Amino acid sequence: MDDFLLSIEESALGVYIQEDPWGFAIALSVHAVGMAMALGVVMLVNFRILGVVKQVPVLSHTALFGTAWLGFIINLLSGIALYASHATEYTYQWVFILKLTLLAIGGYLMKLTMEAVAANGPAGKIQLMSFFCISCWIGAVITGRLMAYF
């Protein structure tokens, strides 16, 4: 396993991100833009579900999910580049594993929340899922930042 991870780090992409003065900065900046796109939509929709700007129907925000998916794809690609530069470290880093777990749970909760909204589910249940969805996404941002320190 370690040989495989080392081969990722020694790939052209891994070396570029590690060694080029701009490589890591560019990848991290692109990652921040993708995060803003995805997280912006997630937060907007969930804050609406929790009662902010009540006069705007929740389902009217569904058109923004294309932007969220574009942000997710940008994050996936830039995240792969960032991972390639430190694969041997990140693979075993508990903060990185927690970040990925929170992203998966947050994404799944967003899906469940929107399905419940579309089905006119119980408001209390939808708001609870929305609260946990926001919590997961905020946790993912925080753990992503903490990766530099663990």
N, C-alpha and C. Protein backbone atom coordinates (compact mmCIF):
# COMPACT_ATOMS: atom_id res chain seq x y z
N MET A 1 0.83 -1.20 0.00
CA MET A 1 0.00 0.00 0.00
C MET A 1 0.87 1.26 0.00
N ASP A 2 1.90 1.28 0.85
CA ASP A 2 2.76 2.45 0.92
C ASP A 2 3.49 2.70 -0.40
N ASP A 3 3.86 1.62 -1.10
CA ASP A 3 4.51 1.80 -2.40
C ASP A 3 3.56 2.47 -3.39
N PHE A 4 2.30 2.06 -3.35
CA PHE A 4 1.29 2.67 -4.23
C PHE A 4 1.11 4.16 -3.90
N LEU A 5 1.01 4.46 -2.61
CA LEU A 5 0.85 5.86 -2.19
C LEU A 5 2.07 6.69 -2.56
N LEU A 6 3.23 6.12 -2.40
CA LEU A 6 4.46 6.81 -2.79
C LEU A 6 4.50 7.06 -4.29
N SER A 7 4.00 6.11 -5.06
CA SER A 7 3.97 6.31 -6.52
C SER A 7 3.02 7.46 -6.90
N ILE A 8 1.97 7.66 -6.12
CA ILE A 8 1.08 8.81 -6.35
C ILE A 8 1.83 10.10 -6.08
N GLU A 9 2.54 10.15 -4.96
CA GLU A 9 3.31 11.34 -4.62
C GLU A 9 4.41 11.63 -5.63
N GLU A 10 4.99 10.57 -6.20
CA GLU A 10 6.08 10.74 -7.16
C GLU A 10 5.59 10.92 -8.59
N SER A 11 4.28 10.93 -8.77
CA SER A 11 3.72 11.18 -10.11
C SER A 11 4.00 12.62 -10.51
N ALA A 12 3.84 12.93 -11.78
CA ALA A 12 4.09 14.30 -12.26
C ALA A 12 3.22 15.30 -11.51
N LEU A 13 1.96 14.94 -11.27
CA LEU A 13 1.06 15.84 -10.57
C LEU A 13 1.50 16.03 -9.12
N GLY A 14 1.81 14.94 -8.44
CA GLY A 14 2.25 15.03 -7.05
C GLY A 14 3.50 15.87 -6.89
N VAL A 15 4.46 15.66 -7.77
CA VAL A 15 5.71 16.42 -7.71
C VAL A 15 5.46 17.89 -8.02
N TYR A 16 4.63 18.18 -9.02
CA TYR A 16 4.32 19.57 -9.37
C TYR A 16 3.69 20.30 -8.18
N ILE A 17 2.69 19.69 -7.56
CA ILE A 17 2.00 20.34 -6.44
C ILE A 17 2.96 20.53 -5.27
N GLN A 18 3.84 19.55 -5.04
CA GLN A 18 4.81 19.62 -3.92
C GLN A 18 5.92 20.63 -4.17
N GLU A 19 6.46 20.64 -5.37
CA GLU A 19 7.72 21.34 -5.58
C GLU A 19 7.62 22.68 -6.30
N ASP A 20 6.64 22.86 -7.14
CA ASP A 20 6.52 24.13 -7.84
C ASP A 20 6.07 25.21 -6.86
N PRO A 21 6.69 26.37 -6.88
CA PRO A 21 6.30 27.42 -5.93
C PRO A 21 4.82 27.81 -6.01
N TRP A 22 4.21 27.64 -7.16
CA TRP A 22 2.80 28.00 -7.33
C TRP A 22 1.87 26.80 -7.32
N GLY A 23 2.40 25.60 -7.41
CA GLY A 23 1.56 24.41 -7.54
C GLY A 23 0.54 24.25 -6.44
N PHE A 24 1.01 24.22 -5.20
CA PHE A 24 0.11 24.03 -4.06
C PHE A 24 -0.83 25.22 -3.93
N ALA A 25 -0.31 26.43 -4.12
CA ALA A 25 -1.12 27.64 -3.98
C ALA A 25 -2.26 27.66 -4.99
N ILE A 26 -1.97 27.29 -6.21
CA ILE A 26 -3.01 27.27 -7.26
C ILE A 26 -4.05 26.21 -6.93
N ALA A 27 -3.61 25.01 -6.60
CA ALA A 27 -4.55 23.93 -6.29
C ALA A 27 -5.43 24.29 -5.10
N LEU A 28 -4.83 24.87 -4.07
CA LEU A 28 -5.59 25.25 -2.88
C LEU A 28 -6.57 26.39 -3.18
N SER A 29 -6.16 27.33 -4.02
CA SER A 29 -7.05 28.44 -4.40
C SER A 29 -8.23 27.93 -5.21
N VAL A 30 -7.98 27.05 -6.14
CA VAL A 30 -9.06 26.45 -6.93
C VAL A 30 -10.00 25.67 -6.01
N HIS A 31 -9.42 24.97 -5.04
CA HIS A 31 -10.21 24.22 -4.06
C HIS A 31 -11.12 25.16 -3.27
N ALA A 32 -10.61 26.33 -2.91
CA ALA A 32 -11.41 27.31 -2.17
C ALA A 32 -12.57 27.83 -3.01
N VAL A 33 -12.34 28.06 -4.29
CA VAL A 33 -13.42 28.53 -5.18
C VAL A 33 -14.49 27.45 -5.32
N GLY A 34 -14.08 26.22 -5.53
CA GLY A 34 -15.05 25.12 -5.62
C GLY A 34 -15.83 24.97 -4.34
N MET A 35 -15.15 25.13 -3.20
CA MET A 35 -15.82 25.03 -1.91
C MET A 35 -16.85 26.14 -1.76
N ALA A 36 -16.50 27.34 -2.17
CA ALA A 36 -17.44 28.46 -2.08
C ALA A 36 -18.69 28.19 -2.91
N MET A 37 -18.51 27.62 -4.08
CA MET A 37 -19.66 27.32 -4.95
C MET A 37 -20.56 26.26 -4.33
N ALA A 38 -19.97 25.16 -3.90
CA ALA A 38 -20.76 24.07 -3.34
C ALA A 38 -21.37 24.46 -2.00
N LEU A 39 -20.53 24.96 -1.11
CA LEU A 39 -20.99 25.29 0.23
C LEU A 39 -21.97 26.46 0.22
N GLY A 40 -21.78 27.39 -0.69
CA GLY A 40 -22.70 28.52 -0.79
C GLY A 40 -24.13 28.07 -1.04
N VAL A 41 -24.30 27.15 -1.97
CA VAL A 41 -25.64 26.63 -2.27
C VAL A 41 -26.18 25.82 -1.10
N VAL A 42 -25.35 24.96 -0.55
CA VAL A 42 -25.78 24.13 0.59
C VAL A 42 -26.24 25.00 1.76
N MET A 43 -25.47 26.02 2.07
CA MET A 43 -25.83 26.90 3.19
C MET A 43 -27.08 27.71 2.88
N LEU A 44 -27.18 28.24 1.68
CA LEU A 44 -28.35 29.02 1.29
C LEU A 44 -29.63 28.21 1.44
N VAL A 45 -29.63 27.02 0.89
CA VAL A 45 -30.82 26.17 0.94
C VAL A 45 -31.14 25.76 2.37
N ASN A 46 -30.13 25.36 3.12
CA ASN A 46 -30.39 24.91 4.48
C ASN A 46 -30.80 26.04 5.42
N PHE A 47 -30.22 27.22 5.25
CA PHE A 47 -30.67 28.35 6.07
C PHE A 47 -32.11 28.71 5.74
N ARG A 48 -32.48 28.58 4.46
CA ARG A 48 -33.88 28.82 4.09
C ARG A 48 -34.79 27.80 4.78
N ILE A 49 -34.38 26.55 4.80
CA ILE A 49 -35.16 25.51 5.46
C ILE A 49 -35.31 25.81 6.95
N LEU A 50 -34.28 26.38 7.53
CA LEU A 50 -34.30 26.70 8.96
C LEU A 50 -35.02 28.01 9.27
N GLY A 51 -35.58 28.65 8.23
CA GLY A 51 -36.45 29.80 8.49
C GLY A 51 -35.95 31.15 8.03
N VAL A 52 -34.78 31.22 7.44
CA VAL A 52 -34.28 32.50 6.92
C VAL A 52 -34.94 32.75 5.56
N VAL A 53 -35.40 33.94 5.32
CA VAL A 53 -36.07 34.36 4.07
C VAL A 53 -37.25 33.42 3.77
N LYS A 54 -38.19 33.39 4.66
CA LYS A 54 -39.32 32.46 4.55
C LYS A 54 -40.18 32.68 3.31
N GLN A 55 -40.19 33.88 2.77
CA GLN A 55 -41.07 34.16 1.63
C GLN A 55 -40.59 33.52 0.33
N VAL A 56 -39.38 33.00 0.30
CA VAL A 56 -38.86 32.33 -0.90
C VAL A 56 -39.03 30.82 -0.73
N PRO A 57 -39.76 30.16 -1.62
CA PRO A 57 -39.95 28.70 -1.49
C PRO A 57 -38.62 27.94 -1.59
N VAL A 58 -38.46 26.95 -0.76
CA VAL A 58 -37.22 26.17 -0.74
C VAL A 58 -36.92 25.57 -2.10
N LEU A 59 -37.93 25.01 -2.74
CA LEU A 59 -37.71 24.33 -4.01
C LEU A 59 -37.31 25.29 -5.13
N SER A 60 -37.49 26.60 -4.93
CA SER A 60 -37.05 27.54 -5.95
C SER A 60 -35.53 27.61 -6.05
N HIS A 61 -34.85 27.11 -5.04
CA HIS A 61 -33.39 27.10 -5.04
C HIS A 61 -32.79 25.89 -5.76
N THR A 62 -33.62 24.97 -6.20
CA THR A 62 -33.08 23.75 -6.80
C THR A 62 -32.29 24.03 -8.07
N ALA A 63 -32.59 25.13 -8.74
CA ALA A 63 -31.84 25.48 -9.95
C ALA A 63 -30.37 25.76 -9.63
N LEU A 64 -30.08 26.10 -8.38
CA LEU A 64 -28.71 26.40 -7.99
C LEU A 64 -27.86 25.15 -7.78
N PHE A 65 -28.48 23.99 -7.75
CA PHE A 65 -27.71 22.77 -7.49
C PHE A 65 -26.73 22.45 -8.61
N GLY A 66 -26.97 22.97 -9.82
CA GLY A 66 -25.97 22.83 -10.89
C GLY A 66 -24.67 23.51 -10.51
N THR A 67 -24.78 24.69 -9.89
CA THR A 67 -23.60 25.41 -9.41
C THR A 67 -22.91 24.61 -8.31
N ALA A 68 -23.70 24.03 -7.42
CA ALA A 68 -23.13 23.22 -6.34
C ALA A 68 -22.38 22.01 -6.91
N TRP A 69 -22.97 21.36 -7.90
CA TRP A 69 -22.30 20.20 -8.50
C TRP A 69 -21.02 20.61 -9.23
N LEU A 70 -21.05 21.76 -9.89
CA LEU A 70 -19.83 22.25 -10.54
C LEU A 70 -18.76 22.51 -9.49
N GLY A 71 -19.14 23.14 -8.38
CA GLY A 71 -18.21 23.36 -7.28
C GLY A 71 -17.67 22.06 -6.73
N PHE A 72 -18.54 21.05 -6.61
CA PHE A 72 -18.10 19.74 -6.13
C PHE A 72 -17.08 19.12 -7.07
N ILE A 73 -17.32 19.21 -8.37
CA ILE A 73 -16.38 18.65 -9.35
C ILE A 73 -15.04 19.38 -9.29
N ILE A 74 -15.10 20.71 -9.17
CA ILE A 74 -13.87 21.49 -9.02
C ILE A 74 -13.12 21.03 -7.76
N ASN A 75 -13.86 20.84 -6.66
CA ASN A 75 -13.23 20.39 -5.42
C ASN A 75 -12.67 18.98 -5.55
N LEU A 76 -13.39 18.12 -6.23
CA LEU A 76 -12.91 16.75 -6.42
C LEU A 76 -11.58 16.75 -7.17
N LEU A 77 -11.52 17.50 -8.27
CA LEU A 77 -10.30 17.52 -9.07
C LEU A 77 -9.15 18.21 -8.34
N SER A 78 -9.43 19.35 -7.72
CA SER A 78 -8.36 20.04 -6.99
C SER A 78 -7.97 19.24 -5.74
N GLY A 79 -8.94 18.57 -5.14
CA GLY A 79 -8.66 17.72 -3.98
C GLY A 79 -7.77 16.55 -4.35
N ILE A 80 -8.00 15.97 -5.50
CA ILE A 80 -7.13 14.89 -5.97
C ILE A 80 -5.70 15.40 -6.17
N ALA A 81 -5.58 16.60 -6.72
CA ALA A 81 -4.25 17.18 -6.91
C ALA A 81 -3.57 17.42 -5.57
N LEU A 82 -4.30 17.98 -4.62
CA LEU A 82 -3.73 18.22 -3.29
C LEU A 82 -3.37 16.90 -2.61
N TYR A 83 -4.25 15.91 -2.75
CA TYR A 83 -3.99 14.59 -2.16
C TYR A 83 -2.72 13.97 -2.77
N ALA A 84 -2.56 14.11 -4.08
CA ALA A 84 -1.41 13.51 -4.75
C ALA A 84 -0.09 14.03 -4.18
N SER A 85 -0.09 15.24 -3.68
CA SER A 85 1.15 15.81 -3.16
C SER A 85 1.53 15.24 -1.78
N HIS A 86 0.58 14.66 -1.07
CA HIS A 86 0.84 14.13 0.28
C HIS A 86 0.06 12.83 0.53
N ALA A 87 -0.01 11.97 -0.45
CA ALA A 87 -0.82 10.76 -0.33
C ALA A 87 -0.42 9.88 0.84
N THR A 88 0.88 9.73 1.08
CA THR A 88 1.31 8.86 2.18
C THR A 88 0.93 9.44 3.54
N GLU A 89 0.85 10.74 3.62
CA GLU A 89 0.47 11.39 4.88
C GLU A 89 -1.06 11.42 5.05
N TYR A 90 -1.77 11.91 4.03
CA TYR A 90 -3.22 12.12 4.16
C TYR A 90 -4.00 10.81 4.31
N THR A 91 -3.54 9.76 3.68
CA THR A 91 -4.28 8.49 3.72
C THR A 91 -4.50 8.00 5.15
N TYR A 92 -3.52 8.25 6.00
CA TYR A 92 -3.60 7.76 7.38
C TYR A 92 -3.94 8.85 8.39
N GLN A 93 -4.16 10.06 7.93
CA GLN A 93 -4.43 11.19 8.82
C GLN A 93 -5.90 11.17 9.25
N TRP A 94 -6.15 11.09 10.55
CA TRP A 94 -7.52 10.97 11.06
C TRP A 94 -8.35 12.20 10.70
N VAL A 95 -7.74 13.37 10.62
CA VAL A 95 -8.49 14.58 10.28
C VAL A 95 -8.98 14.51 8.83
N PHE A 96 -8.14 13.99 7.94
CA PHE A 96 -8.52 13.83 6.53
C PHE A 96 -9.66 12.82 6.40
N ILE A 97 -9.55 11.72 7.12
CA ILE A 97 -10.60 10.70 7.08
C ILE A 97 -11.91 11.27 7.63
N LEU A 98 -11.83 12.04 8.70
CA LEU A 98 -13.03 12.68 9.25
C LEU A 98 -13.62 13.67 8.25
N LYS A 99 -12.77 14.43 7.57
CA LYS A 99 -13.25 15.39 6.56
C LYS A 99 -14.05 14.67 5.48
N LEU A 100 -13.49 13.61 4.93
CA LEU A 100 -14.18 12.87 3.88
C LEU A 100 -15.49 12.26 4.38
N THR A 101 -15.47 11.78 5.62
CA THR A 101 -16.69 11.21 6.22
C THR A 101 -17.76 12.28 6.37
N LEU A 102 -17.38 13.45 6.87
CA LEU A 102 -18.34 14.55 7.03
C LEU A 102 -18.89 15.01 5.69
N LEU A 103 -18.05 15.05 4.67
CA LEU A 103 -18.53 15.41 3.32
C LEU A 103 -19.55 14.41 2.81
N ALA A 104 -19.27 13.14 3.00
CA ALA A 104 -20.20 12.10 2.53
C ALA A 104 -21.53 12.19 3.28
N ILE A 105 -21.47 12.33 4.58
CA ILE A 105 -22.70 12.43 5.38
C ILE A 105 -23.45 13.72 5.02
N GLY A 106 -22.73 14.83 4.91
CA GLY A 106 -23.36 16.11 4.55
C GLY A 106 -24.03 16.06 3.19
N GLY A 107 -23.37 15.44 2.22
CA GLY A 107 -23.96 15.30 0.89
C GLY A 107 -25.21 14.43 0.92
N TYR A 108 -25.13 13.34 1.64
CA TYR A 108 -26.28 12.45 1.75
C TYR A 108 -27.44 13.13 2.48
N LEU A 109 -27.14 13.87 3.54
CA LEU A 109 -28.19 14.60 4.26
C LEU A 109 -28.83 15.67 3.38
N MET A 110 -28.03 16.31 2.51
CA MET A 110 -28.59 17.31 1.60
C MET A 110 -29.59 16.64 0.66
N LYS A 111 -29.23 15.47 0.16
CA LYS A 111 -30.12 14.71 -0.72
C LYS A 111 -31.40 14.34 0.01
N LEU A 112 -31.27 13.78 1.21
CA LEU A 112 -32.45 13.38 1.99
C LEU A 112 -33.32 14.58 2.34
N THR A 113 -32.69 15.69 2.69
CA THR A 113 -33.43 16.89 3.05
C THR A 113 -34.25 17.40 1.87
N MET A 114 -33.65 17.47 0.71
CA MET A 114 -34.38 17.96 -0.48
C MET A 114 -35.49 17.00 -0.89
N GLU A 115 -35.25 15.71 -0.74
CA GLU A 115 -36.31 14.74 -1.03
C GLU A 115 -37.48 14.91 -0.06
N ALA A 116 -37.17 15.15 1.22
CA ALA A 116 -38.22 15.35 2.22
C ALA A 116 -38.98 16.65 1.95
N VAL A 117 -38.29 17.69 1.52
CA VAL A 117 -38.96 18.96 1.18
C VAL A 117 -39.91 18.73 0.00
N ALA A 118 -39.42 18.05 -1.03
CA ALA A 118 -40.23 17.80 -2.22
C ALA A 118 -41.46 16.95 -1.90
N ALA A 119 -41.34 16.07 -0.90
CA ALA A 119 -42.45 15.19 -0.52
C ALA A 119 -43.33 15.82 0.57
N ASN A 120 -43.08 17.09 0.90
CA ASN A 120 -43.82 17.77 1.97
C ASN A 120 -43.77 16.99 3.28
N GLY A 121 -42.57 16.54 3.63
CA GLY A 121 -42.38 15.78 4.87
C GLY A 121 -42.57 16.65 6.10
N PRO A 122 -42.49 16.05 7.26
CA PRO A 122 -42.67 16.79 8.52
C PRO A 122 -41.60 17.88 8.68
N ALA A 123 -42.04 19.09 8.97
CA ALA A 123 -41.14 20.24 9.05
C ALA A 123 -40.04 20.03 10.09
N GLY A 124 -40.40 19.47 11.24
CA GLY A 124 -39.40 19.25 12.30
C GLY A 124 -38.30 18.32 11.86
N LYS A 125 -38.66 17.26 11.16
CA LYS A 125 -37.67 16.29 10.67
C LYS A 125 -36.78 16.94 9.62
N ILE A 126 -37.37 17.71 8.74
CA ILE A 126 -36.61 18.38 7.68
C ILE A 126 -35.62 19.38 8.29
N GLN A 127 -36.08 20.13 9.27
CA GLN A 127 -35.20 21.11 9.91
C GLN A 127 -34.07 20.43 10.68
N LEU A 128 -34.35 19.31 11.30
CA LEU A 128 -33.31 18.58 12.00
C LEU A 128 -32.25 18.06 11.02
N MET A 129 -32.69 17.51 9.90
CA MET A 129 -31.75 17.04 8.89
C MET A 129 -30.94 18.21 8.34
N SER A 130 -31.61 19.33 8.15
CA SER A 130 -30.94 20.53 7.65
C SER A 130 -29.87 21.01 8.62
N PHE A 131 -30.19 21.03 9.90
CA PHE A 131 -29.22 21.43 10.92
C PHE A 131 -27.99 20.51 10.90
N PHE A 132 -28.22 19.21 10.83
CA PHE A 132 -27.09 18.27 10.80
C PHE A 132 -26.32 18.36 9.49
N CYS A 133 -27.02 18.67 8.41
CA CYS A 133 -26.35 18.86 7.12
C CYS A 133 -25.38 20.03 7.21
N ILE A 134 -25.86 21.17 7.72
CA ILE A 134 -25.00 22.34 7.90
C ILE A 134 -23.82 21.99 8.81
N SER A 135 -24.10 21.28 9.88
CA SER A 135 -23.05 20.90 10.83
C SER A 135 -21.97 20.06 10.16
N CYS A 136 -22.38 19.12 9.33
CA CYS A 136 -21.41 18.28 8.62
C CYS A 136 -20.54 19.10 7.67
N TRP A 137 -21.16 19.99 6.91
CA TRP A 137 -20.41 20.80 5.96
C TRP A 137 -19.45 21.75 6.67
N ILE A 138 -19.90 22.37 7.75
CA ILE A 138 -19.00 23.24 8.52
C ILE A 138 -17.86 22.41 9.11
N GLY A 139 -18.19 21.23 9.62
CA GLY A 139 -17.16 20.34 10.14
C GLY A 139 -16.15 19.95 9.08
N ALA A 140 -16.62 19.72 7.86
CA ALA A 140 -15.71 19.37 6.76
C ALA A 140 -14.76 20.52 6.44
N VAL A 141 -15.28 21.74 6.46
CA VAL A 141 -14.42 22.91 6.22
C VAL A 141 -13.37 23.03 7.32
N ILE A 142 -13.81 22.89 8.56
CA ILE A 142 -12.88 23.01 9.69
C ILE A 142 -11.82 21.91 9.65
N THR A 143 -12.24 20.67 9.44
CA THR A 143 -11.26 19.58 9.39
C THR A 143 -10.32 19.73 8.21
N GLY A 144 -10.83 20.26 7.09
CA GLY A 144 -9.95 20.52 5.94
C GLY A 144 -8.85 21.50 6.29
N ARG A 145 -9.22 22.52 7.04
CA ARG A 145 -8.21 23.51 7.46
C ARG A 145 -7.24 22.91 8.49
N LEU A 146 -7.75 22.05 9.36
CA LEU A 146 -6.92 21.45 10.40
C LEU A 146 -5.90 20.43 9.85
N MET A 147 -6.11 19.99 8.62
CA MET A 147 -5.19 19.01 8.04
C MET A 147 -3.74 19.51 8.04
N ALA A 148 -3.56 20.80 7.95
CA ALA A 148 -2.21 21.36 7.92
C ALA A 148 -1.50 21.22 9.27
N TYR A 149 -2.27 20.94 10.31
CA TYR A 149 -1.68 20.93 11.65
C TYR A 149 -1.60 19.55 12.30
N PHE A 150 -2.06 18.51 11.62
CA PHE A 150 -2.04 17.17 12.18
C PHE A 150 -1.25 16.21 11.32
